[in-house]
Amino acid sequence: MGGIDHKEKRTTRAAGAGAAILSDFSNSSRVGRGGRLSAVTTERILNAAHGYFELGMPIEAEAEIEKLPAETRADTQVLKLRHMIYKLAESWELAAVVGREITNREPKTAEWWLHYAYAVRRSEGLAAAKNALLEAEHILPDEGSVHFDLACYSCLLGELDEAMRRISMAIHFDSTYKLKALEDVDLEPLWETIATIQ
C-alpha cells in the first residue's frame, strides 16, 4: 500500500492509501494477499512493527504491517498500532481514517475519540475536530476528557464562553482537570477565570 511516504508526497498519496486501508476493513473476512500466516510469524511481524515504532521509524514499522494479510491488518489491535505509527509519521489523514474506524468499533472508549479528533485537527482543522468530539459527547456525556478537549478546541476557535462551559463540566466530572487546564496553553485566555473555579 505504501501508506507512509516522504512529506512532500504525503498529501497527494493520502487519499489512495486511505482507500486501501478502507479496503482492508471491508475485506477483513477474506484471506489477504499474503495468505494466512502462522501465529508465530504474525507475532514476529507485529513485534518488529512495534520495535520500529518504539525506535521512531514509522516507515519501517508500516512496512512490517504490510507483510500481514488484510484480515490481520484489519484487526483492532493492529489498527491501534497503525494509528500511532501514522501519528509518529505526521500522516494525519491516514491517522484520521484509522482513528475513525477504531471509534466505530469502540465507541465508548474516550481515549480513541481523543486520538481521532487530534488527527482530524491536524488534517482538517479545529472546527472539524470539535465536530468529531461533539459526536463523542453524545455517546460519552459524562466523560471529562471529552469536555476538556472540547474546551481546548472551543478556546482556540475564539468561543470563550463555550470553552469555559466545557472546562467547568470537565472539572465537575474530574477535579484534576482544573490543574491540567491551568497548565494547558490552549486555554491560556481563560486561566484567570479557571483559577476561580471551586
C-alpha atoms as a PDB file:
ATOM      1  CA  MET A   1       0.000   0.000   0.000  1.00  0.00           C
ATOM      2  CA  GLY A   2       2.860   2.411   0.725  1.00  0.00           C
ATOM      3  CA  GLY A   3       0.905   4.252   3.406  1.00  0.00           C
ATOM      4  CA  ILE A   4       3.775   6.409   4.649  1.00  0.00           C
ATOM      5  CA  ASP A   5       5.800   8.440   2.190  1.00  0.00           C
ATOM      6  CA  HIS A   6       8.099  11.445   2.250  1.00  0.00           C
ATOM      7  CA  LYS A   7       6.405  14.629   3.459  1.00  0.00           C
ATOM      8  CA  GLU A   8       6.276  16.305   0.065  1.00  0.00           C
ATOM      9  CA  LYS A   9       4.342  13.358  -1.394  1.00  0.00           C
ATOM     10  CA  ARG A  10       2.202  12.532   1.630  1.00  0.00           C
ATOM     11  CA  THR A  11      -0.822  14.694   0.872  1.00  0.00           C
ATOM     12  CA  THR A  12      -1.196  13.526  -2.720  1.00  0.00           C
ATOM     13  CA  ARG A  13      -0.918   9.861  -1.739  1.00  0.00           C
ATOM     14  CA  ALA A  14      -3.109  10.003   1.371  1.00  0.00           C
ATOM     15  CA  ALA A  15      -6.407   9.520  -0.449  1.00  0.00           C
ATOM     16  CA  GLY A  16      -5.192   6.382  -2.212  1.00  0.00           C
ATOM     17  CA  ALA A  17      -3.632   4.999   0.934  1.00  0.00           C
ATOM     18  CA  GLY A  18      -6.799   5.729   2.870  1.00  0.00           C
ATOM     19  CA  ALA A  19      -8.831   3.852   0.273  1.00  0.00           C
ATOM     20  CA  ALA A  20      -6.524   0.862   0.644  1.00  0.00           C
ATOM     21  CA  ILE A  21      -6.972   0.915   4.417  1.00  0.00           C
ATOM     22  CA  LEU A  22     -10.745   1.039   3.998  1.00  0.00           C
ATOM     23  CA  SER A  23     -10.428  -1.917   1.635  1.00  0.00           C
ATOM     24  CA  ASP A  24      -8.694  -3.805   4.440  1.00  0.00           C
ATOM     25  CA  PHE A  25     -11.701  -3.137   6.659  1.00  0.00           C
ATOM     26  CA  SER A  26     -14.235  -4.334   4.102  1.00  0.00           C
ATOM     27  CA  ASN A  27     -12.207  -7.370   3.074  1.00  0.00           C
ATOM     28  CA  SER A  28     -11.190  -8.416   6.571  1.00  0.00           C
ATOM     29  CA  SER A  29     -13.220 -11.618   6.393  1.00  0.00           C
ATOM     30  CA  ARG A  30     -11.169 -12.820   3.429  1.00  0.00           C
ATOM     31  CA  VAL A  31      -7.595 -14.027   3.367  1.00  0.00           C
ATOM     32  CA  GLY A  32      -5.233 -11.203   2.475  1.00  0.00           C
ATOM     33  CA  ARG A  33      -2.796 -11.018  -0.388  1.00  0.00           C
ATOM     34  CA  GLY A  34      -0.160 -12.850   1.601  1.00  0.00           C
ATOM     35  CA  GLY A  35      -2.435 -15.758   2.562  1.00  0.00           C
ATOM     36  CA  ARG A  36      -2.779 -16.973   6.117  1.00  0.00           C
ATOM     37  CA  LEU A  37       0.308 -16.692   8.296  1.00  0.00           C
ATOM     38  CA  SER A  38       1.187 -18.829  11.278  1.00  0.00           C
ATOM     39  CA  ALA A  39       0.638 -17.322  14.709  1.00  0.00           C
ATOM     40  CA  VAL A  40       4.392 -17.296  15.274  1.00  0.00           C
ATOM     41  CA  THR A  41       5.053 -15.428  12.020  1.00  0.00           C
ATOM     42  CA  THR A  42       2.286 -12.935  12.756  1.00  0.00           C
ATOM     43  CA  GLU A  43       3.655 -12.294  16.248  1.00  0.00           C
ATOM     44  CA  ARG A  44       7.173 -11.848  14.866  1.00  0.00           C
ATOM     45  CA  ILE A  45       5.949  -9.295  12.319  1.00  0.00           C
ATOM     46  CA  LEU A  46       3.943  -7.363  14.919  1.00  0.00           C
ATOM     47  CA  ASN A  47       6.876  -7.374  17.342  1.00  0.00           C
ATOM     48  CA  ALA A  48       9.081  -5.982  14.587  1.00  0.00           C
ATOM     49  CA  ALA A  49       6.494  -3.289  13.816  1.00  0.00           C
ATOM     50  CA  HIS A  50       6.296  -2.349  17.496  1.00  0.00           C
ATOM     51  CA  GLY A  51      10.075  -2.258  17.683  1.00  0.00           C
ATOM     52  CA  TYR A  52      10.428   0.070  14.726  1.00  0.00           C
ATOM     53  CA  PHE A  53       7.664   2.266  16.152  1.00  0.00           C
ATOM     54  CA  GLU A  54       9.435   2.490  19.512  1.00  0.00           C
ATOM     55  CA  LEU A  55      12.646   3.427  17.691  1.00  0.00           C
ATOM     56  CA  GLY A  56      10.835   6.261  15.902  1.00  0.00           C
ATOM     57  CA  MET A  57      10.981   4.539  12.495  1.00  0.00           C
ATOM     58  CA  PRO A  58       7.412   4.751  11.134  1.00  0.00           C
ATOM     59  CA  ILE A  59       8.198   3.826   7.536  1.00  0.00           C
ATOM     60  CA  GLU A  60       9.823   0.585   8.617  1.00  0.00           C
ATOM     61  CA  ALA A  61       7.009  -0.122  11.088  1.00  0.00           C
ATOM     62  CA  GLU A  62       4.390   0.310   8.387  1.00  0.00           C
ATOM     63  CA  ALA A  63       6.380  -1.909   6.032  1.00  0.00           C
ATOM     64  CA  GLU A  64       6.211  -4.702   8.607  1.00  0.00           C
ATOM     65  CA  ILE A  65       2.431  -4.326   8.977  1.00  0.00           C
ATOM     66  CA  GLU A  66       2.071  -4.504   5.200  1.00  0.00           C
ATOM     67  CA  LYS A  67       3.510  -8.026   5.334  1.00  0.00           C
ATOM     68  CA  LEU A  68       0.342  -9.143   7.137  1.00  0.00           C
ATOM     69  CA  PRO A  69      -2.748 -10.389   5.277  1.00  0.00           C
ATOM     70  CA  ALA A  70      -5.693  -7.978   5.058  1.00  0.00           C
ATOM     71  CA  GLU A  71      -7.702  -9.835   7.681  1.00  0.00           C
ATOM     72  CA  THR A  72      -4.911  -9.333  10.215  1.00  0.00           C
ATOM     73  CA  ARG A  73      -4.216  -5.730   9.197  1.00  0.00           C
ATOM     74  CA  ALA A  74      -7.906  -5.031   9.916  1.00  0.00           C
ATOM     75  CA  ASP A  75      -7.662  -6.387  13.478  1.00  0.00           C
ATOM     76  CA  THR A  76      -8.477  -3.652  16.004  1.00  0.00           C
ATOM     77  CA  GLN A  77      -5.209  -4.016  17.908  1.00  0.00           C
ATOM     78  CA  VAL A  78      -3.240  -3.748  14.664  1.00  0.00           C
ATOM     79  CA  LEU A  79      -5.254  -0.663  13.702  1.00  0.00           C
ATOM     80  CA  LYS A  80      -4.356   0.941  17.030  1.00  0.00           C
ATOM     81  CA  LEU A  81      -0.679   0.402  16.338  1.00  0.00           C
ATOM     82  CA  ARG A  82      -1.139   1.656  12.806  1.00  0.00           C
ATOM     83  CA  HIS A  83      -2.825   4.829  14.059  1.00  0.00           C
ATOM     84  CA  MET A  84       0.101   5.550  16.375  1.00  0.00           C
ATOM     85  CA  ILE A  85       2.561   4.895  13.540  1.00  0.00           C
ATOM     86  CA  TYR A  86       0.733   7.393  11.334  1.00  0.00           C
ATOM     87  CA  LYS A  87       0.766   9.952  14.148  1.00  0.00           C
ATOM     88  CA  LEU A  88       4.508   9.468  14.567  1.00  0.00           C
ATOM     89  CA  ALA A  89       4.950   9.993  10.822  1.00  0.00           C
ATOM     90  CA  GLU A  90       2.600  13.002  10.898  1.00  0.00           C
ATOM     91  CA  SER A  91       0.446  11.275   8.277  1.00  0.00           C
ATOM     92  CA  TRP A  92      -2.621  12.917   9.731  1.00  0.00           C
ATOM     93  CA  GLU A  93      -5.109  11.992   7.006  1.00  0.00           C
ATOM     94  CA  LEU A  94      -4.273   8.314   7.433  1.00  0.00           C
ATOM     95  CA  ALA A  95      -4.348   8.614  11.216  1.00  0.00           C
ATOM     96  CA  ALA A  96      -7.842  10.097  10.924  1.00  0.00           C
ATOM     97  CA  VAL A  97      -9.083   7.301   8.654  1.00  0.00           C
ATOM     98  CA  VAL A  98      -7.839   4.630  11.043  1.00  0.00           C
ATOM     99  CA  GLY A  99      -8.974   6.566  14.120  1.00  0.00           C
ATOM    100  CA  ARG A 100     -12.488   6.814  12.720  1.00  0.00           C
ATOM    101  CA  GLU A 101     -12.625   3.053  12.238  1.00  0.00           C
ATOM    102  CA  ILE A 102     -11.445   2.454  15.794  1.00  0.00           C
ATOM    103  CA  THR A 103     -14.129   4.759  17.212  1.00  0.00           C
ATOM    104  CA  ASN A 104     -16.702   2.862  15.137  1.00  0.00           C
ATOM    105  CA  ARG A 105     -15.574  -0.354  16.781  1.00  0.00           C
ATOM    106  CA  GLU A 106     -15.053   1.021  20.288  1.00  0.00           C
ATOM    107  CA  PRO A 107     -17.435   3.976  20.557  1.00  0.00           C
ATOM    108  CA  LYS A 108     -17.365   4.053  24.361  1.00  0.00           C
ATOM    109  CA  THR A 109     -13.580   4.321  24.624  1.00  0.00           C
ATOM    110  CA  ALA A 110     -12.885   8.021  25.157  1.00  0.00           C
ATOM    111  CA  GLU A 111      -9.149   7.723  24.522  1.00  0.00           C
ATOM    112  CA  TRP A 112      -9.694   6.812  20.884  1.00  0.00           C
ATOM    113  CA  TRP A 113     -12.141   9.644  20.304  1.00  0.00           C
ATOM    114  CA  LEU A 114      -9.403  11.990  21.539  1.00  0.00           C
ATOM    115  CA  HIS A 115      -6.790  10.392  19.268  1.00  0.00           C
ATOM    116  CA  TYR A 116      -9.193  10.538  16.328  1.00  0.00           C
ATOM    117  CA  ALA A 117     -10.134  14.170  16.962  1.00  0.00           C
ATOM    118  CA  TYR A 118      -6.491  15.202  17.206  1.00  0.00           C
ATOM    119  CA  ALA A 119      -5.749  13.590  13.840  1.00  0.00           C
ATOM    120  CA  VAL A 120      -8.769  15.413  12.397  1.00  0.00           C
ATOM    121  CA  ARG A 121      -7.484  18.655  13.915  1.00  0.00           C
ATOM    122  CA  ARG A 122      -4.172  18.231  12.145  1.00  0.00           C
ATOM    123  CA  SER A 123      -5.686  17.110   8.833  1.00  0.00           C
ATOM    124  CA  GLU A 124      -8.906  19.137   8.577  1.00  0.00           C
ATOM    125  CA  GLY A 125      -8.728  21.874  11.196  1.00  0.00           C
ATOM    126  CA  LEU A 126     -10.105  22.823  14.582  1.00  0.00           C
ATOM    127  CA  ALA A 127     -13.772  23.072  13.626  1.00  0.00           C
ATOM    128  CA  ALA A 128     -13.782  19.540  12.207  1.00  0.00           C
ATOM    129  CA  ALA A 129     -12.004  18.236  15.310  1.00  0.00           C
ATOM    130  CA  LYS A 130     -14.582  19.885  17.528  1.00  0.00           C
ATOM    131  CA  ASN A 131     -17.379  18.285  15.500  1.00  0.00           C
ATOM    132  CA  ALA A 132     -15.751  14.879  15.968  1.00  0.00           C
ATOM    133  CA  LEU A 133     -15.786  15.349  19.735  1.00  0.00           C
ATOM    134  CA  LEU A 134     -19.357  16.609  19.708  1.00  0.00           C
ATOM    135  CA  GLU A 135     -20.209  13.223  18.252  1.00  0.00           C
ATOM    136  CA  ALA A 136     -18.301  11.596  21.105  1.00  0.00           C
ATOM    137  CA  GLU A 137     -20.202  13.702  23.641  1.00  0.00           C
ATOM    138  CA  HIS A 138     -23.487  12.114  22.578  1.00  0.00           C
ATOM    139  CA  ILE A 139     -22.058   8.707  23.407  1.00  0.00           C
ATOM    140  CA  LEU A 140     -19.994   9.726  26.469  1.00  0.00           C
ATOM    141  CA  PRO A 141     -21.819  12.701  28.022  1.00  0.00           C
ATOM    142  CA  ASP A 142     -20.143  12.272  31.425  1.00  0.00           C
ATOM    143  CA  GLU A 143     -16.584  11.867  30.158  1.00  0.00           C
ATOM    144  CA  GLY A 144     -14.408  14.691  31.474  1.00  0.00           C
ATOM    145  CA  SER A 145     -11.665  14.194  28.894  1.00  0.00           C
ATOM    146  CA  VAL A 146     -14.092  14.818  26.041  1.00  0.00           C
ATOM    147  CA  HIS A 147     -15.314  18.059  27.627  1.00  0.00           C
ATOM    148  CA  PHE A 148     -11.722  19.108  28.337  1.00  0.00           C
ATOM    149  CA  ASP A 149     -10.658  18.713  24.726  1.00  0.00           C
ATOM    150  CA  LEU A 150     -13.863  20.403  23.558  1.00  0.00           C
ATOM    151  CA  ALA A 151     -12.896  23.305  25.827  1.00  0.00           C
ATOM    152  CA  CYS A 152      -9.464  23.490  24.205  1.00  0.00           C
ATOM    153  CA  TYR A 153     -10.854  23.437  20.671  1.00  0.00           C
ATOM    154  CA  SER A 154     -13.544  25.994  21.539  1.00  0.00           C
ATOM    155  CA  CYS A 155     -10.961  28.313  23.088  1.00  0.00           C
ATOM    156  CA  LEU A 156      -8.697  28.068  20.057  1.00  0.00           C
ATOM    157  CA  LEU A 157     -11.709  28.889  17.873  1.00  0.00           C
ATOM    158  CA  GLY A 158     -12.344  32.018  19.954  1.00  0.00           C
ATOM    159  CA  GLU A 159     -15.504  30.598  21.528  1.00  0.00           C
ATOM    160  CA  LEU A 160     -14.513  31.568  25.059  1.00  0.00           C
ATOM    161  CA  ASP A 161     -17.923  31.249  26.730  1.00  0.00           C
ATOM    162  CA  GLU A 162     -18.343  27.765  25.283  1.00  0.00           C
ATOM    163  CA  ALA A 163     -14.804  26.865  26.293  1.00  0.00           C
ATOM    164  CA  MET A 164     -15.468  27.990  29.862  1.00  0.00           C
ATOM    165  CA  ARG A 165     -18.677  25.977  29.991  1.00  0.00           C
ATOM    166  CA  ARG A 166     -16.829  22.915  28.776  1.00  0.00           C
ATOM    167  CA  ILE A 167     -13.934  23.239  31.198  1.00  0.00           C
ATOM    168  CA  SER A 168     -16.386  23.685  34.067  1.00  0.00           C
ATOM    169  CA  MET A 169     -18.071  20.452  33.030  1.00  0.00           C
ATOM    170  CA  ALA A 170     -14.744  18.620  32.796  1.00  0.00           C
ATOM    171  CA  ILE A 171     -13.810  19.785  36.293  1.00  0.00           C
ATOM    172  CA  HIS A 172     -17.251  18.778  37.569  1.00  0.00           C
ATOM    173  CA  PHE A 173     -16.644  15.211  36.369  1.00  0.00           C
ATOM    174  CA  ASP A 174     -12.991  15.115  37.466  1.00  0.00           C
ATOM    175  CA  SER A 175     -11.451  17.825  39.645  1.00  0.00           C
ATOM    176  CA  THR A 176      -7.935  17.079  38.375  1.00  0.00           C
ATOM    177  CA  TYR A 177      -8.828  18.873  35.142  1.00  0.00           C
ATOM    178  CA  LYS A 178      -8.547  22.232  36.916  1.00  0.00           C
ATOM    179  CA  LEU A 179      -4.785  21.919  37.334  1.00  0.00           C
ATOM    180  CA  LYS A 180      -4.451  20.446  33.864  1.00  0.00           C
ATOM    181  CA  ALA A 181      -6.392  23.400  32.426  1.00  0.00           C
ATOM    182  CA  LEU A 182      -4.118  25.879  34.200  1.00  0.00           C
ATOM    183  CA  GLU A 183      -1.122  24.242  32.520  1.00  0.00           C
ATOM    184  CA  ASP A 184      -2.586  23.907  29.007  1.00  0.00           C
ATOM    185  CA  VAL A 185      -1.567  26.787  26.736  1.00  0.00           C
ATOM    186  CA  ASP A 186      -4.638  26.200  24.555  1.00  0.00           C
ATOM    187  CA  LEU A 187      -6.676  27.529  27.478  1.00  0.00           C
ATOM    188  CA  GLU A 188      -4.387  30.423  28.417  1.00  0.00           C
ATOM    189  CA  PRO A 189      -7.010  33.123  27.692  1.00  0.00           C
ATOM    190  CA  LEU A 190      -9.171  31.535  30.412  1.00  0.00           C
ATOM    191  CA  TRP A 191      -6.554  30.846  33.069  1.00  0.00           C
ATOM    192  CA  GLU A 192      -7.627  33.663  35.398  1.00  0.00           C
ATOM    193  CA  THR A 193     -11.275  32.594  35.251  1.00  0.00           C
ATOM    194  CA  ILE A 194     -10.454  28.891  35.608  1.00  0.00           C
ATOM    195  CA  ALA A 195      -8.403  29.669  38.728  1.00  0.00           C
ATOM    196  CA  THR A 196     -11.573  30.923  40.446  1.00  0.00           C
ATOM    197  CA  ILE A 197     -13.488  27.653  39.942  1.00  0.00           C
ATOM    198  CA  GLN A 198     -14.100  25.964  43.294  1.00  0.00           C
END
